[in-house]
Amino acid sequence: MLWGHWIFLPCVLAATQQQGSALISSADALHASLSNRAIRTVVLTEGEYFLKETLTISRDVVLRAETAGTVVLNALGSRTTPRGVLAVVNGTVELEGLDITGGDKGGGVHVAGGVVTITSCNIYRNTAVSGGGLAVTGGAVTTFFCNFFDNEALQASAQPSLVARSCCRANSKRLDSCFQGGGVYVSSAGGLSIFNGYISNNVAVSSGANLRVENTSTAVNVIVRLVTLRTLGVAFITPTSIDP
C-alpha cells in the first residue's frame, strides 16, 4: 500500500519509496519485499528468518543485515521438503552480513545468472548435488570476507552425513557415484573471485570437498586471494589463480 512516500508491508518496520528501501523483521515481509520492485534495498533486523520456500531473485537488489552476523536465513530444508536458501537468476545483487543455512538439495546460494557480490556472510550446513554452500553455474560472483564451512555435496539419495564423509575419504576417485564441490562449485564462464575469509570442513562424496572448478567448453576464471583454504579439498580443472 502506498501512502505519500511510505511503502507498508506486513511486519515491515520502515520503508521509504524515495530511498527504495525496507527495514523488515519477518520471513513473510522478506518475500514480499523481494517481490516489490519499488524496493531496491532490503535491510533485515536481528533474528532468524525461517523460510517457507527458496528466496528467488531476478532483479537488481541489495539484501543486507542491519548488523552483520545477527541475521540468519534458514531454509529449513529436509528430505521431505528439499529447498535452497537463495537462488539468483538475474540482476545485480548484493548480499551483506548474512548467515545462510538450512538449504537441503538446493544449497546455500545458487547463482544461475546476474552479477552477484557477497560480503561478510557465513554460509554453512547446506547440502546440494554440487556446491553445497555456493554454486555458480551462470553469471559472475565476487565474495569478500565470507566463510564457507560444514556444507556438503551429496548423492541424490541424500545419504546421511556420516556415510557421505566415509565415502568421500575411502572412494574419492569414484566419480561415477560421487558429487563435487561441497563448499563451493563453479562452472560459469563468468567466473568467481573470492577475497579473504575461509573455506573449510566441507564434504563432497567425490573431489573438491571445499572448492571445485568444473571442466566446461569455456574457460572458467577463478581468483582466490587471502583465503584459508584446505588444499586437499580442492579440485581445479581449468586455469585458476590461487594465492591463499
C-alpha atoms as a PDB file:
ATOM      1  CA  MET A   1       0.000   0.000   0.000  1.00  0.00           C
ATOM      2  CA  LEU A   2       1.377   3.435  -0.947  1.00  0.00           C
ATOM      3  CA  TRP A   3       0.768   6.449   1.247  1.00  0.00           C
ATOM      4  CA  GLY A   4       2.804   9.520   0.460  1.00  0.00           C
ATOM      5  CA  HIS A   5       6.429   8.454   0.461  1.00  0.00           C
ATOM      6  CA  TRP A   6       5.922   5.299   2.505  1.00  0.00           C
ATOM      7  CA  ILE A   7       5.538   1.651   1.492  1.00  0.00           C
ATOM      8  CA  PHE A   8       3.807  -0.553   4.069  1.00  0.00           C
ATOM      9  CA  LEU A   9       4.261  -4.316   4.075  1.00  0.00           C
ATOM     10  CA  PRO A  10       3.261  -6.916   6.680  1.00  0.00           C
ATOM     11  CA  CYS A  11       5.795  -6.746   9.506  1.00  0.00           C
ATOM     12  CA  VAL A  12       7.816  -4.072   7.701  1.00  0.00           C
ATOM     13  CA  LEU A  13       9.174  -1.676  10.289  1.00  0.00           C
ATOM     14  CA  ALA A  14      10.008   1.130   7.904  1.00  0.00           C
ATOM     15  CA  ALA A  15      10.336   1.649   4.191  1.00  0.00           C
ATOM     16  CA  THR A  16      10.561   4.744   2.013  1.00  0.00           C
ATOM     17  CA  GLN A  17       9.590   4.982  -1.591  1.00  0.00           C
ATOM     18  CA  GLN A  18      12.078   7.831  -2.012  1.00  0.00           C
ATOM     19  CA  GLN A  19      15.027   5.689  -0.911  1.00  0.00           C
ATOM     20  CA  GLY A  20      13.520   2.472  -2.238  1.00  0.00           C
ATOM     21  CA  SER A  21      14.423   0.630   0.959  1.00  0.00           C
ATOM     22  CA  ALA A  22      12.655  -1.523   3.515  1.00  0.00           C
ATOM     23  CA  LEU A  23      13.549  -2.443   7.083  1.00  0.00           C
ATOM     24  CA  ILE A  24      11.915  -5.776   7.872  1.00  0.00           C
ATOM     25  CA  SER A  25      11.622  -8.306  10.670  1.00  0.00           C
ATOM     26  CA  SER A  26       9.878 -11.420   9.295  1.00  0.00           C
ATOM     27  CA  ALA A  27      10.249 -14.035   6.575  1.00  0.00           C
ATOM     28  CA  ASP A  28       6.881 -13.100   5.069  1.00  0.00           C
ATOM     29  CA  ALA A  29       7.965  -9.466   4.782  1.00  0.00           C
ATOM     30  CA  LEU A  30      11.236 -10.598   3.239  1.00  0.00           C
ATOM     31  CA  HIS A  31       9.435 -12.498   0.476  1.00  0.00           C
ATOM     32  CA  ALA A  32       7.099  -9.560  -0.096  1.00  0.00           C
ATOM     33  CA  SER A  33       9.968  -7.073  -0.288  1.00  0.00           C
ATOM     34  CA  LEU A  34      11.847  -9.121  -2.872  1.00  0.00           C
ATOM     35  CA  SER A  35       8.686  -9.252  -4.980  1.00  0.00           C
ATOM     36  CA  ASN A  36       8.242  -5.481  -4.810  1.00  0.00           C
ATOM     37  CA  ARG A  37      10.391  -3.851  -7.485  1.00  0.00           C
ATOM     38  CA  ALA A  38       9.980  -0.442  -5.845  1.00  0.00           C
ATOM     39  CA  ILE A  39      12.237  -1.701  -3.065  1.00  0.00           C
ATOM     40  CA  ARG A  40      15.891  -1.749  -4.079  1.00  0.00           C
ATOM     41  CA  THR A  41      17.435  -2.288  -0.639  1.00  0.00           C
ATOM     42  CA  VAL A  42      16.097  -4.785   1.899  1.00  0.00           C
ATOM     43  CA  VAL A  43      17.519  -4.461   5.418  1.00  0.00           C
ATOM     44  CA  LEU A  44      16.856  -7.262   7.900  1.00  0.00           C
ATOM     45  CA  THR A  45      16.709  -6.698  11.640  1.00  0.00           C
ATOM     46  CA  GLU A  46      18.342  -9.130  14.072  1.00  0.00           C
ATOM     47  CA  GLY A  47      16.849 -12.614  14.211  1.00  0.00           C
ATOM     48  CA  GLU A  48      16.419 -15.959  12.443  1.00  0.00           C
ATOM     49  CA  TYR A  49      14.216 -15.978   9.362  1.00  0.00           C
ATOM     50  CA  PHE A  50      12.622 -19.379   8.716  1.00  0.00           C
ATOM     51  CA  LEU A  51      11.844 -19.580   5.017  1.00  0.00           C
ATOM     52  CA  LYS A  52       8.819 -21.313   3.524  1.00  0.00           C
ATOM     53  CA  GLU A  53      10.406 -21.510   0.081  1.00  0.00           C
ATOM     54  CA  THR A  54      13.649 -20.639  -1.682  1.00  0.00           C
ATOM     55  CA  LEU A  55      14.279 -16.899  -1.985  1.00  0.00           C
ATOM     56  CA  THR A  56      14.500 -16.388  -5.759  1.00  0.00           C
ATOM     57  CA  ILE A  57      15.997 -13.121  -7.011  1.00  0.00           C
ATOM     58  CA  SER A  58      15.678 -11.974 -10.618  1.00  0.00           C
ATOM     59  CA  ARG A  59      16.244  -8.216 -10.348  1.00  0.00           C
ATOM     60  CA  ASP A  60      18.650  -5.598  -9.007  1.00  0.00           C
ATOM     61  CA  VAL A  61      18.528  -5.635  -5.212  1.00  0.00           C
ATOM     62  CA  VAL A  62      20.643  -5.300  -2.064  1.00  0.00           C
ATOM     63  CA  LEU A  63      19.848  -7.732   0.747  1.00  0.00           C
ATOM     64  CA  ARG A  64      21.727  -6.993   3.953  1.00  0.00           C
ATOM     65  CA  ALA A  65      21.677  -7.410   7.707  1.00  0.00           C
ATOM     66  CA  GLU A  66      21.142  -4.261   9.740  1.00  0.00           C
ATOM     67  CA  THR A  67      24.001  -5.561  11.909  1.00  0.00           C
ATOM     68  CA  ALA A  68      26.325  -8.096  10.272  1.00  0.00           C
ATOM     69  CA  GLY A  69      26.313 -11.510  11.907  1.00  0.00           C
ATOM     70  CA  THR A  70      22.948 -11.127  13.652  1.00  0.00           C
ATOM     71  CA  VAL A  71      20.658 -12.318  10.837  1.00  0.00           C
ATOM     72  CA  VAL A  72      20.181 -15.982   9.936  1.00  0.00           C
ATOM     73  CA  LEU A  73      18.358 -17.091   6.783  1.00  0.00           C
ATOM     74  CA  ASN A  74      17.294 -20.683   7.434  1.00  0.00           C
ATOM     75  CA  ALA A  75      15.637 -22.660   4.625  1.00  0.00           C
ATOM     76  CA  LEU A  76      14.616 -25.490   6.972  1.00  0.00           C
ATOM     77  CA  GLY A  77      15.239 -27.881   4.088  1.00  0.00           C
ATOM     78  CA  SER A  78      14.832 -31.611   4.615  1.00  0.00           C
ATOM     79  CA  ARG A  79      14.409 -34.823   2.645  1.00  0.00           C
ATOM     80  CA  THR A  80      10.658 -34.307   2.549  1.00  0.00           C
ATOM     81  CA  THR A  81      10.847 -30.553   1.823  1.00  0.00           C
ATOM     82  CA  PRO A  82      14.057 -30.036  -0.164  1.00  0.00           C
ATOM     83  CA  ARG A  83      14.860 -26.412  -0.946  1.00  0.00           C
ATOM     84  CA  GLY A  84      17.725 -23.990  -1.076  1.00  0.00           C
ATOM     85  CA  VAL A  85      18.119 -20.690   0.738  1.00  0.00           C
ATOM     86  CA  LEU A  86      18.831 -18.256  -2.115  1.00  0.00           C
ATOM     87  CA  ALA A  87      18.704 -18.585  -5.900  1.00  0.00           C
ATOM     88  CA  VAL A  88      19.831 -15.707  -8.134  1.00  0.00           C
ATOM     89  CA  VAL A  89      18.793 -15.947 -11.776  1.00  0.00           C
ATOM     90  CA  ASN A  90      19.336 -12.359 -12.943  1.00  0.00           C
ATOM     91  CA  GLY A  91      20.159  -8.834 -11.865  1.00  0.00           C
ATOM     92  CA  THR A  92      22.895  -7.036  -9.956  1.00  0.00           C
ATOM     93  CA  VAL A  93      22.609  -8.473  -6.463  1.00  0.00           C
ATOM     94  CA  GLU A  94      24.427  -7.711  -3.223  1.00  0.00           C
ATOM     95  CA  LEU A  95      24.244  -9.915  -0.120  1.00  0.00           C
ATOM     96  CA  GLU A  96      25.759  -8.441   3.026  1.00  0.00           C
ATOM     97  CA  GLY A  97      26.284  -9.629   6.591  1.00  0.00           C
ATOM     98  CA  LEU A  98      24.036 -12.701   6.445  1.00  0.00           C
ATOM     99  CA  ASP A  99      24.257 -16.203   7.868  1.00  0.00           C
ATOM    100  CA  ILE A 100      22.880 -18.617   5.268  1.00  0.00           C
ATOM    101  CA  THR A 101      21.976 -22.148   6.341  1.00  0.00           C
ATOM    102  CA  GLY A 102      19.478 -24.998   6.146  1.00  0.00           C
ATOM    103  CA  GLY A 103      19.461 -25.491   2.374  1.00  0.00           C
ATOM    104  CA  ASP A 104      18.802 -29.133   1.506  1.00  0.00           C
ATOM    105  CA  LYS A 105      19.333 -30.271  -2.110  1.00  0.00           C
ATOM    106  CA  GLY A 106      19.250 -26.600  -3.108  1.00  0.00           C
ATOM    107  CA  GLY A 107      22.322 -25.450  -1.238  1.00  0.00           C
ATOM    108  CA  GLY A 108      23.013 -22.116   0.401  1.00  0.00           C
ATOM    109  CA  VAL A 109      23.331 -19.805  -2.609  1.00  0.00           C
ATOM    110  CA  HIS A 110      22.851 -20.861  -6.232  1.00  0.00           C
ATOM    111  CA  VAL A 111      23.763 -18.269  -8.851  1.00  0.00           C
ATOM    112  CA  ALA A 112      22.478 -19.100 -12.348  1.00  0.00           C
ATOM    113  CA  GLY A 113      22.801 -15.589 -13.768  1.00  0.00           C
ATOM    114  CA  GLY A 114      23.449 -11.958 -12.979  1.00  0.00           C
ATOM    115  CA  VAL A 115      26.309 -10.210 -11.198  1.00  0.00           C
ATOM    116  CA  VAL A 116      26.454 -11.071  -7.515  1.00  0.00           C
ATOM    117  CA  THR A 117      28.578  -9.653  -4.698  1.00  0.00           C
ATOM    118  CA  ILE A 118      28.569 -11.427  -1.336  1.00  0.00           C
ATOM    119  CA  THR A 119      30.179  -9.627   1.608  1.00  0.00           C
ATOM    120  CA  SER A 120      30.756 -10.694   5.230  1.00  0.00           C
ATOM    121  CA  CYS A 121      28.466 -13.734   5.018  1.00  0.00           C
ATOM    122  CA  ASN A 122      28.717 -17.126   6.728  1.00  0.00           C
ATOM    123  CA  ILE A 123      27.388 -19.949   4.560  1.00  0.00           C
ATOM    124  CA  TYR A 124      27.182 -23.234   6.434  1.00  0.00           C
ATOM    125  CA  ARG A 125      25.296 -26.519   6.906  1.00  0.00           C
ATOM    126  CA  ASN A 126      23.746 -26.659   3.457  1.00  0.00           C
ATOM    127  CA  THR A 127      23.621 -29.569   1.015  1.00  0.00           C
ATOM    128  CA  ALA A 128      23.290 -29.841  -2.745  1.00  0.00           C
ATOM    129  CA  VAL A 129      24.246 -32.242  -5.516  1.00  0.00           C
ATOM    130  CA  SER A 130      27.069 -29.827  -6.391  1.00  0.00           C
ATOM    131  CA  GLY A 131      28.016 -26.689  -4.498  1.00  0.00           C
ATOM    132  CA  GLY A 132      26.525 -27.222  -1.057  1.00  0.00           C
ATOM    133  CA  GLY A 133      27.492 -23.744   0.109  1.00  0.00           C
ATOM    134  CA  LEU A 134      27.749 -21.792  -3.154  1.00  0.00           C
ATOM    135  CA  ALA A 135      27.083 -22.992  -6.700  1.00  0.00           C
ATOM    136  CA  VAL A 136      27.937 -20.683  -9.594  1.00  0.00           C
ATOM    137  CA  THR A 137      26.504 -22.131 -12.806  1.00  0.00           C
ATOM    138  CA  GLY A 138      25.888 -18.798 -14.536  1.00  0.00           C
ATOM    139  CA  GLY A 139      26.715 -15.134 -14.142  1.00  0.00           C
ATOM    140  CA  ALA A 140      29.664 -13.812 -12.152  1.00  0.00           C
ATOM    141  CA  VAL A 141      30.232 -13.833  -8.400  1.00  0.00           C
ATOM    142  CA  THR A 142      32.635 -11.991  -6.100  1.00  0.00           C
ATOM    143  CA  THR A 143      32.883 -12.637  -2.361  1.00  0.00           C
ATOM    144  CA  PHE A 144      34.635 -10.580   0.324  1.00  0.00           C
ATOM    145  CA  PHE A 145      35.277 -11.774   3.900  1.00  0.00           C
ATOM    146  CA  CYS A 146      32.938 -14.756   3.558  1.00  0.00           C
ATOM    147  CA  ASN A 147      33.241 -18.134   5.270  1.00  0.00           C
ATOM    148  CA  PHE A 148      32.043 -21.449   3.819  1.00  0.00           C
ATOM    149  CA  PHE A 149      32.016 -24.388   6.226  1.00  0.00           C
ATOM    150  CA  ASP A 150      30.156 -27.613   7.089  1.00  0.00           C
ATOM    151  CA  ASN A 151      28.458 -27.764   3.679  1.00  0.00           C
ATOM    152  CA  GLU A 152      28.053 -30.984   1.698  1.00  0.00           C
ATOM    153  CA  ALA A 153      27.722 -32.169  -1.889  1.00  0.00           C
ATOM    154  CA  LEU A 154      25.832 -35.439  -1.636  1.00  0.00           C
ATOM    155  CA  GLN A 155      24.311 -38.066  -3.840  1.00  0.00           C
ATOM    156  CA  ALA A 156      20.690 -37.591  -4.834  1.00  0.00           C
ATOM    157  CA  SER A 157      19.798 -40.396  -2.429  1.00  0.00           C
ATOM    158  CA  ALA A 158      20.537 -37.984   0.431  1.00  0.00           C
ATOM    159  CA  GLN A 159      22.879 -40.258   2.323  1.00  0.00           C
ATOM    160  CA  PRO A 160      23.436 -39.438   5.990  1.00  0.00           C
ATOM    161  CA  SER A 161      26.358 -37.145   6.688  1.00  0.00           C
ATOM    162  CA  LEU A 162      28.487 -39.834   8.353  1.00  0.00           C
ATOM    163  CA  VAL A 163      28.089 -42.158   5.370  1.00  0.00           C
ATOM    164  CA  ALA A 164      28.927 -39.334   2.972  1.00  0.00           C
ATOM    165  CA  ARG A 165      32.092 -38.478   4.869  1.00  0.00           C
ATOM    166  CA  SER A 166      33.218 -42.115   4.895  1.00  0.00           C
ATOM    167  CA  CYS A 167      32.516 -42.480   1.177  1.00  0.00           C
ATOM    168  CA  CYS A 168      34.431 -39.297   0.421  1.00  0.00           C
ATOM    169  CA  ARG A 169      37.521 -40.420   2.300  1.00  0.00           C
ATOM    170  CA  ALA A 170      37.508 -44.018   1.108  1.00  0.00           C
ATOM    171  CA  ASN A 171      36.370 -43.574  -2.506  1.00  0.00           C
ATOM    172  CA  SER A 172      37.488 -40.127  -3.553  1.00  0.00           C
ATOM    173  CA  LYS A 173      38.177 -41.307  -7.112  1.00  0.00           C
ATOM    174  CA  ARG A 174      34.812 -42.939  -7.749  1.00  0.00           C
ATOM    175  CA  LEU A 175      33.384 -40.080  -9.773  1.00  0.00           C
ATOM    176  CA  ASP A 176      30.579 -42.227 -11.157  1.00  0.00           C
ATOM    177  CA  SER A 177      28.944 -42.461  -7.741  1.00  0.00           C
ATOM    178  CA  CYS A 178      30.019 -39.181  -6.184  1.00  0.00           C
ATOM    179  CA  PHE A 179      29.302 -35.464  -6.359  1.00  0.00           C
ATOM    180  CA  GLN A 180      31.573 -32.454  -6.125  1.00  0.00           C
ATOM    181  CA  GLY A 181      32.177 -29.055  -4.561  1.00  0.00           C
ATOM    182  CA  GLY A 182      30.922 -29.373  -1.008  1.00  0.00           C
ATOM    183  CA  GLY A 183      31.820 -25.795  -0.125  1.00  0.00           C
ATOM    184  CA  VAL A 184      31.945 -24.007  -3.478  1.00  0.00           C
ATOM    185  CA  TYR A 185      31.295 -25.217  -7.027  1.00  0.00           C
ATOM    186  CA  VAL A 186      31.790 -23.113 -10.155  1.00  0.00           C
ATOM    187  CA  SER A 187      31.174 -23.892 -13.826  1.00  0.00           C
ATOM    188  CA  SER A 188      30.185 -20.453 -15.128  1.00  0.00           C
ATOM    189  CA  ALA A 189      32.355 -18.729 -17.700  1.00  0.00           C
ATOM    190  CA  GLY A 190      31.570 -15.517 -15.812  1.00  0.00           C
ATOM    191  CA  GLY A 191      33.816 -16.807 -13.081  1.00  0.00           C
ATOM    192  CA  LEU A 192      34.251 -16.469  -9.354  1.00  0.00           C
ATOM    193  CA  SER A 193      36.510 -14.237  -7.268  1.00  0.00           C
ATOM    194  CA  ILE A 194      36.969 -14.960  -3.560  1.00  0.00           C
ATOM    195  CA  PHE A 195      38.790 -12.442  -1.364  1.00  0.00           C
ATOM    196  CA  ASN A 196      39.511 -13.042   2.327  1.00  0.00           C
ATOM    197  CA  GLY A 197      37.702 -15.489   4.593  1.00  0.00           C
ATOM    198  CA  TYR A 198      37.958 -19.272   4.764  1.00  0.00           C
ATOM    199  CA  ILE A 199      36.624 -22.386   3.053  1.00  0.00           C
ATOM    200  CA  SER A 200      36.987 -25.441   5.260  1.00  0.00           C
ATOM    201  CA  ASN A 201      35.403 -28.557   6.734  1.00  0.00           C
ATOM    202  CA  ASN A 202      33.131 -29.078   3.750  1.00  0.00           C
ATOM    203  CA  VAL A 203      32.397 -32.530   2.340  1.00  0.00           C
ATOM    204  CA  ALA A 204      31.947 -33.905  -1.169  1.00  0.00           C
ATOM    205  CA  VAL A 205      31.343 -37.563  -1.930  1.00  0.00           C
ATOM    206  CA  SER A 206      33.797 -37.063  -4.799  1.00  0.00           C
ATOM    207  CA  SER A 207      36.502 -34.440  -5.351  1.00  0.00           C
ATOM    208  CA  GLY A 208      36.749 -30.810  -4.401  1.00  0.00           C
ATOM    209  CA  ALA A 209      35.303 -31.072  -0.902  1.00  0.00           C
ATOM    210  CA  ASN A 210      35.947 -27.371  -0.355  1.00  0.00           C
ATOM    211  CA  LEU A 211      36.223 -25.972  -3.885  1.00  0.00           C
ATOM    212  CA  ARG A 212      35.502 -27.490  -7.279  1.00  0.00           C
ATOM    213  CA  VAL A 213      36.078 -25.763 -10.620  1.00  0.00           C
ATOM    214  CA  GLU A 214      34.301 -27.774 -13.291  1.00  0.00           C
ATOM    215  CA  ASN A 215      35.576 -28.574 -16.748  1.00  0.00           C
ATOM    216  CA  THR A 216      33.470 -26.801 -19.360  1.00  0.00           C
ATOM    217  CA  SER A 217      33.804 -25.921 -23.018  1.00  0.00           C
ATOM    218  CA  THR A 218      34.623 -22.335 -21.990  1.00  0.00           C
ATOM    219  CA  ALA A 219      37.457 -21.457 -19.623  1.00  0.00           C
ATOM    220  CA  VAL A 220      36.303 -20.634 -16.101  1.00  0.00           C
ATOM    221  CA  ASN A 221      38.171 -17.826 -14.359  1.00  0.00           C
ATOM    222  CA  VAL A 222      38.580 -18.270 -10.616  1.00  0.00           C
ATOM    223  CA  ILE A 223      40.600 -15.994  -8.345  1.00  0.00           C
ATOM    224  CA  VAL A 224      41.272 -16.880  -4.714  1.00  0.00           C
ATOM    225  CA  ARG A 225      43.126 -14.311  -2.588  1.00  0.00           C
ATOM    226  CA  LEU A 226      43.930 -14.245   1.128  1.00  0.00           C
ATOM    227  CA  VAL A 227      41.638 -17.188   1.807  1.00  0.00           C
ATOM    228  CA  THR A 228      42.309 -20.007   4.274  1.00  0.00           C
ATOM    229  CA  LEU A 229      41.714 -22.998   2.043  1.00  0.00           C
ATOM    230  CA  ARG A 230      42.392 -26.667   2.714  1.00  0.00           C
ATOM    231  CA  THR A 231      44.339 -27.598  -0.401  1.00  0.00           C
ATOM    232  CA  LEU A 232      43.471 -31.295  -0.160  1.00  0.00           C
ATOM    233  CA  GLY A 233      39.839 -30.392  -0.659  1.00  0.00           C
ATOM    234  CA  VAL A 234      40.355 -28.505  -3.907  1.00  0.00           C
ATOM    235  CA  ALA A 235      39.908 -29.728  -7.477  1.00  0.00           C
ATOM    236  CA  PHE A 236      40.798 -27.355 -10.304  1.00  0.00           C
ATOM    237  CA  ILE A 237      40.051 -28.444 -13.846  1.00  0.00           C
ATOM    238  CA  THR A 238      40.543 -25.122 -15.613  1.00  0.00           C
ATOM    239  CA  PRO A 239      43.127 -22.290 -15.228  1.00  0.00           C
ATOM    240  CA  THR A 240      42.850 -20.768 -11.784  1.00  0.00           C
ATOM    241  CA  SER A 241      44.706 -18.157  -9.786  1.00  0.00           C
ATOM    242  CA  ILE A 242      45.323 -19.040  -6.125  1.00  0.00           C
ATOM    243  CA  ASP A 243      47.147 -17.012  -3.502  1.00  0.00           C
ATOM    244  CA  PRO A 244      45.945 -18.340  -0.124  1.00  0.00           C
END
